[in-house]
Structures are given as structure tokens and as C-alpha cells.
Amino acid sequence: MESSFRLSQNGTPAIHAPSNHFICSFTRRSMKTLLVPIDHTATAEHTLAYANKLAVRWPAEIVVLYCHPTAANATAETETLATQEQRLRSLVERLRYQQLTRQDGRRIRYRYRVLSGCLHDHVRAEATRCAADLVVMALEHIDCDRQEAPGNHAAAITELVRCPVLVVPTGRRPLPNRLVFSANFGALSLLVLPQLAALAGAFPAPLELVEFYAPSQRPQRRSLRQGLSKAVAHLNWAAPVTPHLLEEDAPLEGTSEFCARLQTQLLIIAPTSHAQLLRYFDACYATTQAYHTQIPVLVLPAERTAQVACCERCAGHPAPPATPTAPAGYANVRWV
């Protein structure tokens, strides 16, 4: 069924599928939803091919999202968006039968979203709109004709959505059957674990939980082990879960070496800050081809907890505005 054009609230044209198509999609919650933002680079083909295989296994439908720089006028904008959607459809039809068997290719349902502007301006609303269970995106992505350093763009998008984000590096990769979840489990909110458990059907494999501690933390090993055991008990994972508590001065390097020893095919992380997330994608690790930069990384979003007033007097005053997770001047952000 073809999409239809109409102007969005800000006056820019967007492509929308008929409402009955979406009603059918949202009522069938047994079918998961993958939101796959892509550009028109070769990397996008690898990302979509990975999402295709994941959609067959889970199963899930795929919402392909492409954001195009704004054209000079509304007429040119409409024509450009129509052309871009046709390019997406051609790419999808080619990959679904090139990478999958014909039977599996026919099982995948696709929806298309072609919008004017930058991905970071639309991804939050689009993830909410399609009730995305998972965002699958490339490690390197060109947004608004701007090429970010590898990982910086993925880190920014991760902080804009509330669902997990799967960051896929360039290359053809099989679906994972060896998983590692690295985190500070003593400080990890137990509310994050259901987000991972909801993905068990997509990644039905044994899970290794690993936490690293510094030599100065040796007296705290008992409490660290208890936090790790508590996480195992609360994680409803169908396959076996094995905990590991290891001493290491540099946790990120230790995680990469641990994944290399196990030949891990998917690393799961739950960073507690934007700076910590950026360290996973730091350029020095990409340059040295650290193991964790060569495999897909699943980023679990930090749990957002509501603030509770300490007394009735405080409850009567409005809370101060929250600091935005992504500055409005995205193109001017100075990445660290």
C-alpha cells in the first residue's frame, strides 16, 4: 500500500501511510517493531541486512526511517521525498531477497518514513510513534550532510530515545549466539533488567554477566558479588546466565579482552552517563581495532526516575526545568 503526502505541523512535507495500516500494526503487539534509521551509504546496507535477519528471528516488522536535508521550496521538497522513498523501497526489495531466503524475505513487513530535516530532530518522536522495541542503527551515520566521528552520532541518538539501541559496525555479521553484558551491577537499577529480558526472544543465547573492580575495591568484593547475584536473580533470561567478577584497573579494556577471549558476538552495556557511553566508541579504540568496536553493541537506556518532593512545601513549588539530554544546536556540539 503506497504512502500518502501531507504537510506536518511545521509546514514541511512528510510521508504518512494510511491510518488503517498503522491501526493494524499497533494492535498486533505480538509482532515487535524495529526502527532502522539509514542513510544512502554502503554502511546502511549492512545495517538493514542485520535488521532483516533479526526481524525474521524475533519476529518483528521494520520501520525504515530516512531523513533528508530540507529542500529550497515545498514543491521540490515533496518531489525529493518521493524520490527518496522510492530509493528506500528499491534497497529493501533488493536486500530482502539477496540476503534471505525467499520465504523469509516475504515474512518481513516494512513501513517507510521519509522526513525532511535531521535524524536527531525526529528520532524521538518516530520511536514513540511506532512504539519501537529496538532501534537498529549503524555505528557511522551521515546526518544532514554532516559526518560525525564514529560513535558520537550513535551516542547522541541513544540518549534521545527510551528504547534500547543496537549499534552495528560496518560489515556482514551473523546474528549473535555468544552474549556478554558488562555493567556495574551494584549501582544498576533493577528496572533496567526487564528492558533486556524483553529482548530475550531476539537474542536466544547464553548470557555472560561481567563486572570489573579495581584493586582498591578488594575489601568490597562481597558486596559486589551480592549485587551481581541479585542481577542474575532478577534477570528473566531463558538461556543460562553466568556471572563473572574480575579484577581490572581499566574496566573498558578488560571488557574488550573478555569479549575477545569468549569470541563474543554481541556486547550489552548500560552506561550511567553520556561520557561513559562515548568512551566505548572513542576514536582510539576504533583506531586500534579494539574487539568491542568490531561487534554490535546493545545500549540499554538509563532508567529515568521521577523526583519526589521532600515535603509539602517543596511539592507546592514547580520543579526546575530538566537539563536537556541533547542540546538544540546539535551540529555545534563539541564532542569529547
Protein backbone atom coordinates (compact mmCIF):
# COMPACT_ATOMS: atom_id res chain seq x y z
CA MET A 1 0.00 0.00 0.00
CA GLU A 2 1.52 3.30 -1.06
CA SER A 3 2.22 6.12 1.35
CA SER A 4 0.48 9.49 1.13
CA PHE A 5 1.86 13.02 1.43
CA ARG A 6 0.71 15.80 3.72
CA LEU A 7 2.31 18.77 5.45
CA SER A 8 3.44 18.38 9.03
CA GLN A 9 2.74 20.99 11.71
CA ASN A 10 5.93 22.88 10.94
CA GLY A 11 4.99 23.12 7.28
CA THR A 12 7.42 20.55 5.94
CA PRO A 13 6.02 17.65 3.93
CA ALA A 14 6.24 14.19 5.39
CA ILE A 15 5.23 10.79 4.12
CA HIS A 16 2.50 9.04 6.07
CA ALA A 17 0.94 5.66 5.46
CA PRO A 18 -2.86 5.37 5.68
CA SER A 19 -4.25 5.22 9.20
CA ASN A 20 -5.74 1.72 8.87
CA HIS A 21 -2.24 0.39 8.13
CA PHE A 22 -0.98 1.73 11.45
CA ILE A 23 -4.02 0.54 13.41
CA CYS A 24 -3.31 -2.98 12.21
CA SER A 25 0.36 -2.65 13.17
CA PHE A 26 -0.24 -1.30 16.65
CA THR A 27 -2.92 -3.82 17.57
CA ARG A 28 -0.65 -6.77 16.72
CA ARG A 29 1.73 -6.33 19.65
CA SER A 30 2.92 -9.90 19.32
CA MET A 31 4.86 -8.55 16.35
CA LYS A 32 7.80 -6.47 17.57
CA THR A 33 8.93 -3.27 15.88
CA LEU A 34 12.45 -2.38 14.75
CA LEU A 35 13.14 1.27 13.91
CA VAL A 36 16.03 1.35 11.43
CA PRO A 37 17.38 4.83 10.57
CA ILE A 38 19.61 4.68 7.50
CA ASP A 39 21.37 6.94 5.05
CA HIS A 40 22.37 6.14 1.47
CA THR A 41 25.88 4.84 2.19
CA ALA A 42 27.20 1.29 1.84
CA THR A 43 27.14 1.01 5.64
CA ALA A 44 23.35 1.33 5.56
CA GLU A 45 23.08 -1.89 3.56
CA HIS A 46 24.90 -3.83 6.29
CA THR A 47 22.67 -2.29 8.95
CA LEU A 48 19.47 -3.15 7.11
CA ALA A 49 20.71 -6.67 6.29
CA TYR A 50 21.36 -7.26 10.01
CA ALA A 51 17.93 -5.88 10.91
CA ASN A 52 16.34 -8.18 8.30
CA LYS A 53 17.81 -11.29 9.90
CA LEU A 54 16.80 -10.07 13.35
CA ALA A 55 13.24 -9.38 12.16
CA VAL A 56 12.90 -12.94 10.86
CA ARG A 57 14.19 -14.48 14.09
CA TRP A 58 12.18 -12.39 16.58
CA PRO A 59 9.77 -11.84 14.59
CA ALA A 60 9.39 -8.11 14.01
CA GLU A 61 8.29 -5.60 11.44
CA ILE A 62 10.74 -2.95 10.25
CA VAL A 63 10.15 0.79 10.08
CA VAL A 64 12.78 2.23 7.72
CA LEU A 65 13.48 5.86 8.59
CA TYR A 66 15.35 8.26 6.32
CA CYS A 67 15.82 11.97 6.99
CA HIS A 68 16.75 14.21 4.07
CA PRO A 69 18.16 17.76 4.22
CA THR A 70 15.47 20.38 3.65
CA ALA A 71 14.96 21.45 0.02
CA ALA A 72 14.60 25.02 -1.23
CA ASN A 73 10.79 25.04 -1.51
CA ALA A 74 7.76 22.89 -0.72
CA THR A 75 7.33 21.61 -4.29
CA ALA A 76 10.95 20.50 -4.56
CA GLU A 77 10.68 19.03 -1.06
CA THR A 78 7.71 16.85 -1.98
CA GLU A 79 9.40 15.60 -5.14
CA THR A 80 12.64 14.91 -3.26
CA LEU A 81 10.93 12.94 -0.51
CA ALA A 82 9.02 10.87 -3.06
CA THR A 83 12.27 10.07 -4.85
CA GLN A 84 13.99 9.13 -1.59
CA GLU A 85 11.17 6.80 -0.62
CA GLN A 86 11.45 5.02 -3.95
CA ARG A 87 15.17 4.58 -3.36
CA LEU A 88 14.42 3.05 0.03
CA ARG A 89 11.88 0.65 -1.44
CA SER A 90 14.36 -0.44 -4.11
CA LEU A 91 17.05 -1.04 -1.48
CA VAL A 92 14.67 -3.02 0.73
CA GLU A 93 13.41 -5.23 -2.10
CA ARG A 94 16.94 -5.96 -3.25
CA LEU A 95 18.30 -6.85 0.21
CA ARG A 96 15.33 -8.87 1.41
CA TYR A 97 15.84 -11.48 -1.32
CA GLN A 98 19.60 -11.09 -1.70
CA GLN A 99 20.43 -11.79 1.96
CA LEU A 100 17.47 -14.01 2.95
CA THR A 101 15.64 -16.97 1.53
CA ARG A 102 12.57 -16.03 -0.47
CA GLN A 103 10.26 -17.43 2.20
CA ASP A 104 11.92 -15.42 4.99
CA GLY A 105 12.03 -12.31 2.84
CA ARG A 106 8.28 -12.44 2.28
CA ARG A 107 7.63 -12.70 6.02
CA ILE A 108 9.07 -9.28 6.83
CA ARG A 109 6.67 -6.34 6.89
CA TYR A 110 8.13 -2.92 6.11
CA ARG A 111 6.92 0.60 6.71
CA TYR A 112 8.65 3.69 5.35
CA ARG A 113 9.18 7.09 6.92
CA VAL A 114 10.88 9.77 4.83
CA LEU A 115 11.13 13.09 6.63
CA SER A 116 12.66 16.48 5.98
CA GLY A 117 15.42 17.55 8.35
CA CYS A 118 17.95 15.80 10.57
CA LEU A 119 17.60 12.44 12.24
CA HIS A 120 18.26 13.81 15.72
CA ASP A 121 15.27 16.15 15.31
CA HIS A 122 12.85 13.30 14.51
CA VAL A 123 14.10 10.07 16.06
CA ARG A 124 12.49 10.55 19.48
CA ALA A 125 9.05 11.24 18.03
CA GLU A 126 9.37 8.45 15.47
CA ALA A 127 10.41 5.88 18.09
CA THR A 128 7.38 6.84 20.17
CA ARG A 129 5.07 6.95 17.16
CA CYS A 130 5.83 3.41 16.00
CA ALA A 131 6.24 2.07 19.58
CA ALA A 132 9.73 0.83 18.70
CA ASP A 133 11.02 -2.10 20.75
CA LEU A 134 14.54 -1.61 19.42
CA VAL A 135 16.43 0.93 17.31
CA VAL A 136 18.97 -0.66 14.95
CA MET A 137 21.47 1.82 13.56
CA ALA A 138 24.95 2.00 12.06
CA LEU A 139 27.99 2.99 14.07
CA GLU A 140 28.81 5.55 11.37
CA HIS A 141 25.93 7.64 10.05
CA ILE A 142 25.75 10.77 7.92
CA ASP A 143 23.12 13.20 9.24
CA CYS A 144 22.25 16.46 7.46
CA ASP A 145 25.32 16.01 5.24
CA ARG A 146 27.45 16.09 8.39
CA GLN A 147 29.77 13.16 9.11
CA GLU A 148 30.29 12.73 12.85
CA ALA A 149 33.21 10.89 14.38
CA PRO A 150 32.39 7.15 14.67
CA GLY A 151 30.22 6.57 17.70
CA ASN A 152 29.43 10.19 18.50
CA HIS A 153 26.29 10.17 16.40
CA ALA A 154 25.19 6.82 17.82
CA ALA A 155 25.75 8.08 21.36
CA ALA A 156 23.63 11.17 20.68
CA ILE A 157 20.76 9.16 19.21
CA THR A 158 20.90 6.70 22.11
CA GLU A 159 20.20 9.49 24.58
CA LEU A 160 17.21 10.73 22.57
CA VAL A 161 15.13 7.53 22.65
CA ARG A 162 13.75 5.49 25.54
CA CYS A 163 14.12 2.05 23.99
CA PRO A 164 17.34 0.02 23.65
CA VAL A 165 19.62 0.89 20.72
CA LEU A 166 21.63 -1.69 18.79
CA VAL A 167 24.71 -0.12 17.18
CA VAL A 168 26.01 -2.22 14.28
CA PRO A 169 29.54 -1.64 12.88
CA THR A 170 30.29 -1.95 9.19
CA GLY A 171 30.45 -5.47 7.75
CA ARG A 172 28.31 -8.55 7.23
CA ARG A 173 27.66 -10.26 10.55
CA PRO A 174 25.69 -13.29 11.72
CA LEU A 175 23.13 -13.00 14.46
CA PRO A 176 24.82 -13.47 17.85
CA ASN A 177 24.90 -16.69 19.84
CA ARG A 178 27.51 -15.52 22.38
CA LEU A 179 26.46 -12.54 24.52
CA VAL A 180 28.23 -10.50 27.22
CA PHE A 181 26.53 -7.98 29.50
CA SER A 182 29.04 -5.66 31.16
CA ALA A 183 27.90 -3.20 33.84
CA ASN A 184 28.29 -2.01 37.41
CA PHE A 185 25.54 -4.26 38.71
CA GLY A 186 25.65 -2.98 42.26
CA ALA A 187 24.67 0.50 41.07
CA LEU A 188 22.46 -0.69 38.21
CA SER A 189 18.74 -0.06 38.63
CA LEU A 190 16.81 -3.32 38.62
CA LEU A 191 14.25 -1.57 36.40
CA VAL A 192 16.78 -1.75 33.55
CA LEU A 193 16.81 -5.56 33.58
CA PRO A 194 13.26 -6.01 32.21
CA GLN A 195 14.32 -3.96 29.18
CA LEU A 196 16.96 -6.57 28.46
CA ALA A 197 14.68 -9.50 29.29
CA ALA A 198 12.19 -8.21 26.72
CA LEU A 199 14.85 -8.83 24.06
CA ALA A 200 15.45 -12.47 25.01
CA GLY A 201 13.43 -13.66 22.02
CA ALA A 202 15.67 -11.68 19.67
CA PHE A 203 18.89 -13.00 21.21
CA PRO A 204 18.17 -16.54 22.46
CA ALA A 205 21.65 -17.44 23.68
CA PRO A 206 23.57 -17.95 26.95
CA LEU A 207 24.44 -14.69 28.65
CA GLU A 208 27.69 -13.85 30.45
CA LEU A 209 27.39 -11.11 33.09
CA VAL A 210 30.74 -9.50 33.88
CA GLU A 211 31.72 -6.77 36.33
CA PHE A 212 35.21 -5.43 36.86
CA TYR A 213 36.55 -3.91 40.07
CA ALA A 214 39.76 -2.03 40.83
CA PRO A 215 42.41 -3.46 43.20
CA SER A 216 41.41 -0.79 45.72
CA GLN A 217 37.92 -2.36 45.83
CA ARG A 218 39.08 -5.75 47.07
CA PRO A 219 37.51 -5.21 50.53
CA GLN A 220 34.16 -4.66 48.75
CA ARG A 221 34.20 -7.90 46.78
CA ARG A 222 31.47 -9.47 48.90
CA SER A 223 29.02 -6.63 48.28
CA LEU A 224 29.97 -6.56 44.60
CA ARG A 225 29.30 -10.28 44.34
CA GLN A 226 25.93 -9.82 46.04
CA GLY A 227 24.96 -7.10 43.56
CA LEU A 228 25.92 -9.37 40.68
CA SER A 229 23.94 -12.28 42.12
CA LYS A 230 20.92 -10.03 42.64
CA ALA A 231 21.04 -9.01 38.99
CA VAL A 232 21.14 -12.66 37.91
CA ALA A 233 18.14 -13.44 40.10
CA HIS A 234 16.06 -10.58 38.68
CA LEU A 235 17.01 -11.13 35.04
CA ASN A 236 14.36 -13.28 33.43
CA TRP A 237 16.56 -14.79 30.73
CA ALA A 238 15.53 -18.07 29.09
CA ALA A 239 19.08 -19.30 28.42
CA PRO A 240 21.74 -19.91 31.11
CA VAL A 241 23.26 -16.83 32.78
CA THR A 242 26.82 -16.97 34.16
CA PRO A 243 28.20 -14.19 36.43
CA HIS A 244 31.85 -13.12 36.46
CA LEU A 245 33.51 -10.75 38.97
CA LEU A 246 37.02 -9.85 37.79
CA GLU A 247 39.76 -7.52 38.98
CA GLU A 248 40.91 -4.98 36.41
CA ASP A 249 42.40 -1.47 36.56
CA ALA A 250 40.81 -0.46 33.25
CA PRO A 251 37.23 -1.85 33.03
CA LEU A 252 36.68 -0.96 29.37
CA GLU A 253 39.90 -2.61 28.24
CA GLY A 254 39.02 -5.57 30.44
CA THR A 255 35.59 -5.82 28.82
CA SER A 256 37.12 -5.82 25.35
CA GLU A 257 39.65 -8.52 26.28
CA PHE A 258 36.96 -10.60 27.98
CA CYS A 259 34.79 -10.42 24.85
CA ALA A 260 37.76 -11.39 22.69
CA ARG A 261 38.50 -14.49 24.80
CA LEU A 262 34.90 -15.65 24.51
CA GLN A 263 34.62 -14.62 20.84
CA THR A 264 31.55 -12.61 21.83
CA GLN A 265 29.19 -11.57 19.03
CA LEU A 266 27.13 -9.02 20.98
CA LEU A 267 28.18 -6.72 23.83
CA ILE A 268 25.44 -5.32 26.08
CA ILE A 269 26.13 -2.20 28.14
CA ALA A 270 24.16 0.04 30.47
CA PRO A 271 26.17 3.29 30.72
CA THR A 272 25.31 5.65 33.53
CA SER A 273 26.42 8.83 31.73
CA HIS A 274 26.91 10.25 28.26
CA ALA A 275 30.66 10.48 28.86
CA GLN A 276 30.82 6.80 29.75
CA LEU A 277 28.92 5.90 26.60
CA LEU A 278 31.27 7.97 24.44
CA ARG A 279 34.27 6.13 25.87
CA TYR A 280 33.00 2.87 24.38
CA PHE A 281 33.16 4.47 20.92
CA ASP A 282 36.31 6.51 21.48
CA ALA A 283 38.38 7.05 18.35
CA CYS A 284 41.48 5.50 19.92
CA TYR A 285 39.67 2.16 20.29
CA ALA A 286 38.47 2.33 16.70
CA THR A 287 42.00 3.12 15.51
CA THR A 288 43.49 0.18 17.41
CA GLN A 289 40.56 -2.02 16.32
CA ALA A 290 39.67 -2.98 19.87
CA TYR A 291 37.46 -6.06 19.90
CA HIS A 292 34.38 -4.31 21.28
CA THR A 293 34.39 -1.88 18.33
CA GLN A 294 34.23 -4.77 15.86
CA ILE A 295 30.98 -6.30 17.15
CA PRO A 296 27.43 -4.95 17.60
CA VAL A 297 26.83 -3.12 20.88
CA LEU A 298 23.39 -3.09 22.53
CA VAL A 299 22.92 0.02 24.68
CA LEU A 300 20.28 -0.15 27.40
CA PRO A 301 18.85 3.28 28.26
CA ALA A 302 19.41 4.59 31.76
CA GLU A 303 16.34 4.34 33.93
CA ARG A 304 14.67 7.73 34.41
CA THR A 305 13.27 8.06 37.91
CA ALA A 306 10.74 10.68 38.91
CA GLN A 307 11.79 13.20 41.57
CA VAL A 308 9.81 13.05 44.81
CA ALA A 309 9.24 16.21 46.87
CA CYS A 310 10.81 16.09 50.31
CA CYS A 311 7.88 17.92 51.96
CA GLU A 312 4.52 19.57 51.25
CA ARG A 313 6.16 23.00 50.96
CA CYS A 314 8.50 21.78 48.24
CA ALA A 315 5.66 19.95 46.49
CA GLY A 316 3.83 23.27 46.13
CA HIS A 317 6.62 24.79 44.04
CA PRO A 318 7.24 23.83 40.41
CA ALA A 319 10.31 21.73 39.79
CA PRO A 320 13.21 23.41 37.97
CA PRO A 321 13.45 22.62 34.25
CA ALA A 322 15.41 19.48 33.49
CA THR A 323 18.68 19.75 31.64
CA PRO A 324 18.11 18.55 28.06
CA THR A 325 19.95 15.37 27.13
CA ALA A 326 20.70 16.68 23.64
CA PRO A 327 21.37 20.39 23.02
CA ALA A 328 19.26 22.09 20.39
CA GLY A 329 22.34 23.16 18.46
CA TYR A 330 23.29 19.60 17.67
CA ALA A 331 25.64 20.49 14.82
CA ASN A 332 27.59 22.79 17.14
CA VAL A 333 28.11 20.26 19.93
CA ARG A 334 31.75 19.92 20.90
CA TRP A 335 32.24 16.19 21.32
CA VAL A 336 34.75 14.92 23.86
